[in-house]
Amino acid sequence: MKRLAILLIAGTAQAAEIPIEGTVQSQCLINTDKPGVYGSPNAYTLTTTPADGGVVPIVRYDVTLADAYTARITYPTDFSSSPSLSDSVTWTGSVTVDEVSSVDMADYQTDSTTYDQTREYVLSATGATWFAVSSTATYGGGSMKAFPGGTYRAVVVAECVAN
């Protein structure tokens, strides 16, 4: 009987899970160089166009590892906060390369991809790239109604996606 108990204990398998952990530091940083401001050239339009009193927001990407990331930037399609609106808002906008720190980035705009309200840039060189994001909101659809008084905020979404 003793022998049987020893054999049963000896035949029991054991297992353990040993964790392995690591931290990856992104080699792509996103910074707001200039926050945007909506100007109101008329009662039914809010725009970042400087001639209409607006300020175009500028976002800067700093990359220290070439060909590892894609910049994905989306102009606003909704207000993040605003007075109550009873009618539709029509959104337009654009994303363009405003400045680059290296001649190796000269083709970023022509090589970019656009879909919906988003533009993607493969960040193929190290350095800094500044992107300008324009935004215009028109209230009332085709009937162009006056925006109610108040504060309007919208958000540009800037992402750094690992390739």
N, C-alpha and C. Protein backbone atom coordinates (compact mmCIF):
# COMPACT_ATOMS: atom_id res chain seq x y z
N MET A 1 0.81 -1.18 0.00
CA MET A 1 0.00 0.00 0.00
C MET A 1 0.87 1.26 0.00
N LYS A 2 1.95 1.25 0.80
CA LYS A 2 2.87 2.38 0.82
C LYS A 2 3.51 2.59 -0.55
N ARG A 3 3.85 1.49 -1.18
CA ARG A 3 4.47 1.57 -2.49
C ARG A 3 3.53 2.19 -3.53
N LEU A 4 2.28 1.89 -3.49
CA LEU A 4 1.29 2.42 -4.41
C LEU A 4 1.12 3.94 -4.22
N ALA A 5 1.10 4.39 -2.98
CA ALA A 5 0.98 5.83 -2.70
C ALA A 5 2.20 6.58 -3.20
N ILE A 6 3.39 6.04 -3.05
CA ILE A 6 4.61 6.68 -3.53
C ILE A 6 4.60 6.75 -5.05
N LEU A 7 4.16 5.70 -5.72
CA LEU A 7 4.09 5.70 -7.18
C LEU A 7 3.08 6.74 -7.69
N LEU A 8 1.96 6.87 -7.02
CA LEU A 8 0.96 7.85 -7.44
C LEU A 8 1.49 9.28 -7.29
N ILE A 9 2.20 9.58 -6.21
CA ILE A 9 2.77 10.91 -6.00
C ILE A 9 3.87 11.19 -7.01
N ALA A 10 4.70 10.23 -7.29
CA ALA A 10 5.80 10.41 -8.23
C ALA A 10 5.29 10.63 -9.66
N GLY A 11 4.14 10.11 -10.03
CA GLY A 11 3.62 10.23 -11.38
C GLY A 11 2.81 11.50 -11.61
N THR A 12 2.61 12.34 -10.62
CA THR A 12 1.84 13.56 -10.76
C THR A 12 2.66 14.63 -11.46
N ALA A 13 2.10 15.22 -12.53
CA ALA A 13 2.80 16.27 -13.27
C ALA A 13 2.57 17.62 -12.62
N GLN A 14 3.57 18.48 -12.72
CA GLN A 14 3.44 19.83 -12.20
C GLN A 14 3.66 20.82 -13.35
N ALA A 15 3.02 21.96 -13.23
CA ALA A 15 3.18 23.01 -14.24
C ALA A 15 3.18 24.37 -13.55
N ALA A 16 3.82 25.30 -14.17
CA ALA A 16 3.83 26.66 -13.65
C ALA A 16 3.80 27.63 -14.82
N GLU A 17 3.20 28.76 -14.61
CA GLU A 17 3.21 29.83 -15.61
C GLU A 17 4.17 30.90 -15.13
N ILE A 18 5.16 31.19 -15.95
CA ILE A 18 6.17 32.18 -15.60
C ILE A 18 5.96 33.40 -16.50
N PRO A 19 5.61 34.56 -15.93
CA PRO A 19 5.36 35.74 -16.77
C PRO A 19 6.64 36.34 -17.33
N ILE A 20 6.49 36.90 -18.52
CA ILE A 20 7.54 37.69 -19.15
C ILE A 20 6.90 39.03 -19.50
N GLU A 21 7.54 40.10 -19.15
CA GLU A 21 6.96 41.42 -19.33
C GLU A 21 7.97 42.35 -19.98
N GLY A 22 7.48 43.27 -20.76
CA GLY A 22 8.35 44.26 -21.38
C GLY A 22 7.57 45.52 -21.69
N THR A 23 8.27 46.60 -21.87
CA THR A 23 7.65 47.88 -22.19
C THR A 23 8.25 48.42 -23.48
N VAL A 24 7.39 48.89 -24.37
CA VAL A 24 7.84 49.47 -25.63
C VAL A 24 7.56 50.96 -25.58
N GLN A 25 8.56 51.76 -25.84
CA GLN A 25 8.40 53.21 -25.94
C GLN A 25 8.12 53.55 -27.39
N SER A 26 7.03 54.25 -27.63
CA SER A 26 6.71 54.66 -28.99
C SER A 26 7.79 55.60 -29.52
N GLN A 27 8.13 55.43 -30.76
CA GLN A 27 9.10 56.30 -31.43
C GLN A 27 8.38 57.36 -32.26
N CYS A 28 7.10 57.55 -31.94
CA CYS A 28 6.26 58.54 -32.63
C CYS A 28 5.49 59.32 -31.57
N LEU A 29 5.72 60.62 -31.54
CA LEU A 29 5.04 61.48 -30.57
C LEU A 29 4.18 62.49 -31.30
N ILE A 30 3.00 62.77 -30.75
CA ILE A 30 2.07 63.73 -31.34
C ILE A 30 1.95 64.92 -30.40
N ASN A 31 2.11 66.12 -30.95
CA ASN A 31 2.04 67.35 -30.16
C ASN A 31 1.11 68.36 -30.83
N THR A 32 0.38 69.12 -30.03
CA THR A 32 -0.41 70.23 -30.55
C THR A 32 0.49 71.45 -30.57
N ASP A 33 0.86 71.91 -31.75
CA ASP A 33 1.68 73.13 -31.85
C ASP A 33 0.82 74.38 -31.81
N LYS A 34 -0.39 74.29 -32.38
CA LYS A 34 -1.30 75.45 -32.37
C LYS A 34 -2.73 74.93 -32.29
N PRO A 35 -3.45 75.26 -31.21
CA PRO A 35 -4.86 74.86 -31.16
C PRO A 35 -5.68 75.67 -32.15
N GLY A 36 -6.74 75.09 -32.63
CA GLY A 36 -7.59 75.78 -33.60
C GLY A 36 -8.63 76.66 -32.94
N VAL A 37 -9.13 77.61 -33.72
CA VAL A 37 -10.19 78.51 -33.27
C VAL A 37 -11.17 78.67 -34.43
N TYR A 38 -12.45 78.57 -34.12
CA TYR A 38 -13.47 78.83 -35.14
C TYR A 38 -13.76 80.33 -35.22
N GLY A 39 -13.70 80.84 -36.43
CA GLY A 39 -14.18 82.18 -36.72
C GLY A 39 -15.59 82.05 -37.25
N SER A 40 -16.34 83.14 -37.25
CA SER A 40 -17.72 83.11 -37.72
C SER A 40 -17.95 84.26 -38.70
N PRO A 41 -17.67 84.01 -39.99
CA PRO A 41 -17.82 85.08 -40.98
C PRO A 41 -19.27 85.47 -41.24
N ASN A 42 -20.21 84.60 -40.85
CA ASN A 42 -21.63 84.89 -40.98
C ASN A 42 -22.37 84.07 -39.91
N ALA A 43 -23.65 84.19 -39.82
CA ALA A 43 -24.43 83.56 -38.75
C ALA A 43 -24.51 82.04 -38.85
N TYR A 44 -24.28 81.46 -40.02
CA TYR A 44 -24.48 80.03 -40.22
C TYR A 44 -23.19 79.25 -40.48
N THR A 45 -22.02 79.89 -40.37
CA THR A 45 -20.76 79.21 -40.66
C THR A 45 -19.77 79.39 -39.52
N LEU A 46 -19.10 78.30 -39.17
CA LEU A 46 -17.94 78.33 -38.28
C LEU A 46 -16.79 77.75 -39.07
N THR A 47 -15.66 78.43 -39.09
CA THR A 47 -14.54 77.99 -39.91
C THR A 47 -13.20 78.32 -39.27
N THR A 48 -12.20 77.51 -39.56
CA THR A 48 -10.84 77.79 -39.08
C THR A 48 -10.06 78.64 -40.07
N THR A 49 -10.68 79.08 -41.15
CA THR A 49 -10.02 79.90 -42.16
C THR A 49 -9.57 81.24 -41.56
N PRO A 50 -8.27 81.56 -41.61
CA PRO A 50 -7.77 82.81 -41.03
C PRO A 50 -8.45 84.07 -41.57
N ALA A 51 -8.76 84.11 -42.86
CA ALA A 51 -9.41 85.28 -43.44
C ALA A 51 -10.80 85.52 -42.85
N ASP A 52 -11.37 84.48 -42.24
CA ASP A 52 -12.70 84.59 -41.64
C ASP A 52 -12.63 84.66 -40.11
N GLY A 53 -11.43 84.95 -39.58
CA GLY A 53 -11.27 85.08 -38.14
C GLY A 53 -10.91 83.80 -37.41
N GLY A 54 -10.70 82.71 -38.16
CA GLY A 54 -10.36 81.44 -37.54
C GLY A 54 -8.85 81.22 -37.42
N VAL A 55 -8.48 80.17 -36.73
CA VAL A 55 -7.08 79.76 -36.60
C VAL A 55 -7.02 78.27 -36.95
N VAL A 56 -6.19 77.94 -37.92
CA VAL A 56 -6.02 76.55 -38.34
C VAL A 56 -5.16 75.83 -37.31
N PRO A 57 -5.66 74.71 -36.75
CA PRO A 57 -4.84 73.97 -35.80
C PRO A 57 -3.67 73.29 -36.50
N ILE A 58 -2.53 73.23 -35.80
CA ILE A 58 -1.33 72.57 -36.32
C ILE A 58 -0.94 71.46 -35.36
N VAL A 59 -0.82 70.25 -35.90
CA VAL A 59 -0.38 69.10 -35.11
C VAL A 59 0.99 68.67 -35.62
N ARG A 60 1.91 68.39 -34.69
CA ARG A 60 3.27 67.99 -35.06
C ARG A 60 3.51 66.53 -34.66
N TYR A 61 4.07 65.80 -35.61
CA TYR A 61 4.50 64.41 -35.35
C TYR A 61 6.01 64.40 -35.31
N ASP A 62 6.58 63.86 -34.25
CA ASP A 62 8.03 63.66 -34.12
C ASP A 62 8.30 62.17 -34.18
N VAL A 63 9.10 61.76 -35.17
CA VAL A 63 9.37 60.34 -35.40
C VAL A 63 10.87 60.08 -35.32
N THR A 64 11.25 59.09 -34.52
CA THR A 64 12.67 58.73 -34.40
C THR A 64 12.97 57.35 -34.99
N LEU A 65 11.98 56.74 -35.62
CA LEU A 65 12.17 55.45 -36.28
C LEU A 65 11.43 55.48 -37.61
N ALA A 66 12.17 55.53 -38.70
CA ALA A 66 11.58 55.64 -40.04
C ALA A 66 10.83 54.38 -40.44
N ASP A 67 9.79 54.54 -41.25
CA ASP A 67 8.99 53.46 -41.82
C ASP A 67 8.31 52.57 -40.79
N ALA A 68 8.15 53.05 -39.56
CA ALA A 68 7.53 52.23 -38.52
C ALA A 68 6.11 52.69 -38.18
N TYR A 69 5.73 53.90 -38.62
CA TYR A 69 4.45 54.47 -38.21
C TYR A 69 3.73 55.14 -39.37
N THR A 70 2.41 55.22 -39.21
CA THR A 70 1.56 55.97 -40.12
C THR A 70 0.80 57.01 -39.31
N ALA A 71 0.82 58.24 -39.78
CA ALA A 71 0.02 59.31 -39.16
C ALA A 71 -1.39 59.20 -39.73
N ARG A 72 -2.36 59.15 -38.85
CA ARG A 72 -3.77 59.11 -39.25
C ARG A 72 -4.45 60.31 -38.60
N ILE A 73 -4.92 61.25 -39.43
CA ILE A 73 -5.49 62.49 -38.93
C ILE A 73 -6.89 62.67 -39.52
N THR A 74 -7.86 62.93 -38.63
CA THR A 74 -9.26 63.07 -39.04
C THR A 74 -9.78 64.43 -38.62
N TYR A 75 -10.31 65.20 -39.58
CA TYR A 75 -10.91 66.48 -39.22
C TYR A 75 -12.30 66.24 -38.61
N PRO A 76 -12.80 67.20 -37.84
CA PRO A 76 -14.07 67.00 -37.12
C PRO A 76 -15.27 66.77 -38.02
N THR A 77 -16.20 65.96 -37.49
CA THR A 77 -17.48 65.71 -38.17
C THR A 77 -18.64 65.89 -37.20
N ASP A 78 -18.33 66.45 -36.03
CA ASP A 78 -19.34 66.68 -35.02
C ASP A 78 -18.75 67.62 -33.97
N PHE A 79 -19.60 68.28 -33.24
CA PHE A 79 -19.12 69.09 -32.13
C PHE A 79 -18.97 68.20 -30.91
N SER A 80 -17.88 68.38 -30.18
CA SER A 80 -17.72 67.65 -28.92
C SER A 80 -18.55 68.31 -27.83
N SER A 81 -18.81 69.61 -27.98
CA SER A 81 -19.76 70.32 -27.12
C SER A 81 -20.27 71.54 -27.87
N SER A 82 -21.53 71.85 -27.66
CA SER A 82 -22.16 73.00 -28.34
C SER A 82 -23.51 73.24 -27.69
N PRO A 83 -24.10 74.38 -27.98
CA PRO A 83 -25.50 74.57 -27.57
C PRO A 83 -26.37 73.53 -28.29
N SER A 84 -27.57 73.36 -27.82
CA SER A 84 -28.50 72.42 -28.45
C SER A 84 -28.79 72.86 -29.89
N LEU A 85 -28.66 71.91 -30.81
CA LEU A 85 -28.89 72.21 -32.23
C LEU A 85 -30.08 71.40 -32.72
N SER A 86 -31.03 72.08 -33.38
CA SER A 86 -32.24 71.41 -33.84
C SER A 86 -32.18 71.04 -35.31
N ASP A 87 -31.10 71.42 -35.99
CA ASP A 87 -30.99 71.13 -37.42
C ASP A 87 -29.63 70.49 -37.70
N SER A 88 -29.42 70.10 -38.93
CA SER A 88 -28.18 69.39 -39.29
C SER A 88 -27.03 70.37 -39.51
N VAL A 89 -25.82 69.83 -39.33
CA VAL A 89 -24.59 70.58 -39.58
C VAL A 89 -23.84 69.87 -40.70
N THR A 90 -23.43 70.61 -41.70
CA THR A 90 -22.64 70.06 -42.80
C THR A 90 -21.18 70.38 -42.52
N TRP A 91 -20.33 69.35 -42.56
CA TRP A 91 -18.90 69.48 -42.23
C TRP A 91 -18.04 69.32 -43.47
N THR A 92 -17.04 70.18 -43.60
CA THR A 92 -16.00 70.01 -44.60
C THR A 92 -14.67 70.29 -43.91
N GLY A 93 -13.60 69.84 -44.52
CA GLY A 93 -12.29 70.07 -43.95
C GLY A 93 -11.20 69.47 -44.80
N SER A 94 -9.99 69.60 -44.33
CA SER A 94 -8.86 69.01 -45.03
C SER A 94 -7.69 68.86 -44.07
N VAL A 95 -6.76 68.00 -44.46
CA VAL A 95 -5.51 67.81 -43.73
C VAL A 95 -4.40 67.94 -44.75
N THR A 96 -3.42 68.81 -44.46
CA THR A 96 -2.30 69.01 -45.38
C THR A 96 -0.99 69.10 -44.61
N VAL A 97 0.09 68.73 -45.29
CA VAL A 97 1.42 68.92 -44.71
C VAL A 97 1.71 70.41 -44.73
N ASP A 98 2.02 70.96 -43.56
CA ASP A 98 2.29 72.39 -43.45
C ASP A 98 3.79 72.67 -43.51
N GLU A 99 4.59 71.79 -42.90
CA GLU A 99 6.04 71.98 -42.84
C GLU A 99 6.69 70.63 -42.53
N VAL A 100 7.92 70.45 -43.00
CA VAL A 100 8.69 69.23 -42.72
C VAL A 100 10.10 69.62 -42.28
N SER A 101 10.73 68.75 -41.51
CA SER A 101 12.08 69.04 -41.04
C SER A 101 13.17 68.45 -41.93
N SER A 102 12.74 67.67 -42.93
CA SER A 102 13.72 67.01 -43.79
C SER A 102 13.21 66.94 -45.22
N VAL A 103 14.11 67.08 -46.17
CA VAL A 103 13.74 66.96 -47.58
C VAL A 103 13.22 65.55 -47.89
N ASP A 104 13.57 64.57 -47.07
CA ASP A 104 13.08 63.19 -47.26
C ASP A 104 11.57 63.08 -47.09
N MET A 105 10.94 64.11 -46.56
CA MET A 105 9.50 64.11 -46.31
C MET A 105 8.73 64.89 -47.37
N ALA A 106 9.41 65.32 -48.40
CA ALA A 106 8.81 66.20 -49.42
C ALA A 106 7.59 65.60 -50.10
N ASP A 107 7.51 64.29 -50.21
CA ASP A 107 6.41 63.64 -50.92
C ASP A 107 5.27 63.17 -50.00
N TYR A 108 5.32 63.52 -48.74
CA TYR A 108 4.29 63.05 -47.82
C TYR A 108 2.88 63.39 -48.29
N GLN A 109 2.66 64.62 -48.76
CA GLN A 109 1.30 65.01 -49.16
C GLN A 109 0.85 64.25 -50.40
N THR A 110 1.69 64.17 -51.42
CA THR A 110 1.29 63.49 -52.65
C THR A 110 1.18 61.98 -52.47
N ASP A 111 1.93 61.42 -51.51
CA ASP A 111 1.88 59.97 -51.27
C ASP A 111 0.82 59.57 -50.25
N SER A 112 0.08 60.53 -49.71
CA SER A 112 -0.90 60.23 -48.66
C SER A 112 -2.16 59.59 -49.24
N THR A 113 -2.94 59.01 -48.34
CA THR A 113 -4.19 58.36 -48.71
C THR A 113 -5.33 59.06 -47.98
N THR A 114 -6.42 59.31 -48.70
CA THR A 114 -7.57 59.97 -48.11
C THR A 114 -8.79 59.08 -48.21
N TYR A 115 -9.54 59.00 -47.11
CA TYR A 115 -10.83 58.32 -47.11
C TYR A 115 -11.72 58.98 -46.07
N ASP A 116 -12.99 59.13 -46.40
CA ASP A 116 -13.94 59.83 -45.53
C ASP A 116 -13.34 61.17 -45.11
N GLN A 117 -13.21 61.42 -43.80
CA GLN A 117 -12.64 62.67 -43.30
C GLN A 117 -11.21 62.47 -42.81
N THR A 118 -10.59 61.38 -43.22
CA THR A 118 -9.28 60.98 -42.70
C THR A 118 -8.22 61.00 -43.79
N ARG A 119 -7.03 61.41 -43.40
CA ARG A 119 -5.88 61.36 -44.30
C ARG A 119 -4.78 60.60 -43.57
N GLU A 120 -4.12 59.69 -44.28
CA GLU A 120 -3.03 58.90 -43.72
C GLU A 120 -1.73 59.19 -44.45
N TYR A 121 -0.66 59.28 -43.66
CA TYR A 121 0.68 59.54 -44.18
C TYR A 121 1.62 58.49 -43.62
N VAL A 122 2.32 57.77 -44.49
CA VAL A 122 3.36 56.84 -44.04
C VAL A 122 4.56 57.70 -43.65
N LEU A 123 4.97 57.60 -42.41
CA LEU A 123 6.08 58.42 -41.91
C LEU A 123 7.39 57.68 -42.21
N SER A 124 7.88 57.88 -43.42
CA SER A 124 9.02 57.11 -43.94
C SER A 124 10.38 57.68 -43.57
N ALA A 125 10.41 58.81 -42.90
CA ALA A 125 11.68 59.44 -42.53
C ALA A 125 11.62 59.88 -41.07
N THR A 126 12.78 60.01 -40.46
CA THR A 126 12.82 60.51 -39.09
C THR A 126 12.78 62.04 -39.10
N GLY A 127 12.25 62.60 -38.04
CA GLY A 127 12.18 64.06 -37.93
C GLY A 127 10.78 64.50 -37.57
N ALA A 128 10.52 65.79 -37.77
CA ALA A 128 9.24 66.39 -37.42
C ALA A 128 8.45 66.76 -38.66
N THR A 129 7.14 66.55 -38.58
CA THR A 129 6.23 66.95 -39.65
C THR A 129 5.06 67.68 -39.01
N TRP A 130 4.74 68.85 -39.56
CA TRP A 130 3.62 69.66 -39.08
C TRP A 130 2.47 69.52 -40.06
N PHE A 131 1.29 69.23 -39.53
CA PHE A 131 0.09 69.08 -40.35
C PHE A 131 -0.93 70.15 -39.98
N ALA A 132 -1.51 70.78 -41.00
CA ALA A 132 -2.58 71.77 -40.81
C ALA A 132 -3.92 71.08 -41.05
N VAL A 133 -4.87 71.33 -40.18
CA VAL A 133 -6.18 70.69 -40.28
C VAL A 133 -7.25 71.77 -40.33
N SER A 134 -7.89 71.92 -41.48
CA SER A 134 -8.95 72.92 -41.61
C SER A 134 -10.30 72.28 -41.31
N SER A 135 -11.22 73.09 -40.84
CA SER A 135 -12.56 72.59 -40.51
C SER A 135 -13.57 73.71 -40.72
N THR A 136 -14.69 73.35 -41.36
CA THR A 136 -15.80 74.28 -41.55
C THR A 136 -17.10 73.56 -41.24
N ALA A 137 -17.94 74.22 -40.45
CA ALA A 137 -19.26 73.69 -40.11
C ALA A 137 -20.31 74.70 -40.59
N THR A 138 -21.29 74.21 -41.35
CA THR A 138 -22.37 75.06 -41.85
C THR A 138 -23.68 74.53 -41.29
N TYR A 139 -24.45 75.41 -40.69
CA TYR A 139 -25.67 75.00 -39.99
C TYR A 139 -26.90 75.13 -40.87
N GLY A 140 -27.80 74.16 -40.71
CA GLY A 140 -29.10 74.24 -41.38
C GLY A 140 -29.18 73.55 -42.72
N GLY A 141 -28.16 72.77 -43.08
CA GLY A 141 -28.20 72.10 -44.37
C GLY A 141 -28.30 73.12 -45.49
N GLY A 142 -29.22 72.94 -46.42
CA GLY A 142 -29.37 73.85 -47.54
C GLY A 142 -30.06 75.16 -47.18
N SER A 143 -30.73 75.21 -46.01
CA SER A 143 -31.47 76.43 -45.65
C SER A 143 -30.62 77.44 -44.90
N MET A 144 -29.42 77.08 -44.48
CA MET A 144 -28.47 77.96 -43.81
C MET A 144 -29.12 78.76 -42.68
N LYS A 145 -29.26 78.13 -41.55
CA LYS A 145 -29.82 78.77 -40.37
C LYS A 145 -28.70 79.34 -39.51
N ALA A 146 -29.04 80.31 -38.69
CA ALA A 146 -28.06 80.90 -37.77
C ALA A 146 -27.75 79.94 -36.63
N PHE A 147 -26.46 79.78 -36.32
CA PHE A 147 -26.06 79.01 -35.16
C PHE A 147 -26.59 79.69 -33.90
N PRO A 148 -27.10 78.94 -32.93
CA PRO A 148 -27.47 79.54 -31.65
C PRO A 148 -26.21 80.08 -30.95
N GLY A 149 -26.36 81.13 -30.17
CA GLY A 149 -25.23 81.69 -29.44
C GLY A 149 -24.67 80.68 -28.45
N GLY A 150 -23.36 80.71 -28.26
CA GLY A 150 -22.72 79.80 -27.30
C GLY A 150 -21.33 79.41 -27.74
N THR A 151 -20.75 78.50 -27.01
CA THR A 151 -19.40 78.02 -27.30
C THR A 151 -19.49 76.69 -28.04
N TYR A 152 -18.71 76.59 -29.12
CA TYR A 152 -18.68 75.39 -29.95
C TYR A 152 -17.28 74.80 -29.91
N ARG A 153 -17.19 73.51 -29.67
CA ARG A 153 -15.90 72.82 -29.66
C ARG A 153 -15.99 71.58 -30.55
N ALA A 154 -14.92 71.34 -31.28
CA ALA A 154 -14.80 70.13 -32.10
C ALA A 154 -13.38 69.61 -31.92
N VAL A 155 -13.16 68.36 -32.26
CA VAL A 155 -11.88 67.72 -31.99
C VAL A 155 -11.29 67.13 -33.26
N VAL A 156 -10.02 67.42 -33.48
CA VAL A 156 -9.24 66.75 -34.52
C VAL A 156 -8.68 65.48 -33.88
N VAL A 157 -8.81 64.35 -34.55
CA VAL A 157 -8.26 63.10 -34.03
C VAL A 157 -6.94 62.83 -34.76
N ALA A 158 -5.86 62.80 -34.00
CA ALA A 158 -4.52 62.53 -34.55
C ALA A 158 -4.00 61.25 -33.90
N GLU A 159 -3.68 60.27 -34.74
CA GLU A 159 -3.20 58.98 -34.24
C GLU A 159 -1.87 58.65 -34.89
N CYS A 160 -1.08 57.88 -34.17
CA CYS A 160 0.17 57.34 -34.70
C CYS A 160 0.01 55.82 -34.67
N VAL A 161 -0.13 55.21 -35.85
CA VAL A 161 -0.43 53.79 -35.94
C VAL A 161 0.85 53.05 -36.33
N ALA A 162 1.19 52.03 -35.55
CA ALA A 162 2.37 51.23 -35.86
C ALA A 162 2.13 50.45 -37.15
N ASN A 163 3.10 50.46 -38.06
CA ASN A 163 2.98 49.73 -39.33
C ASN A 163 3.21 48.24 -39.12
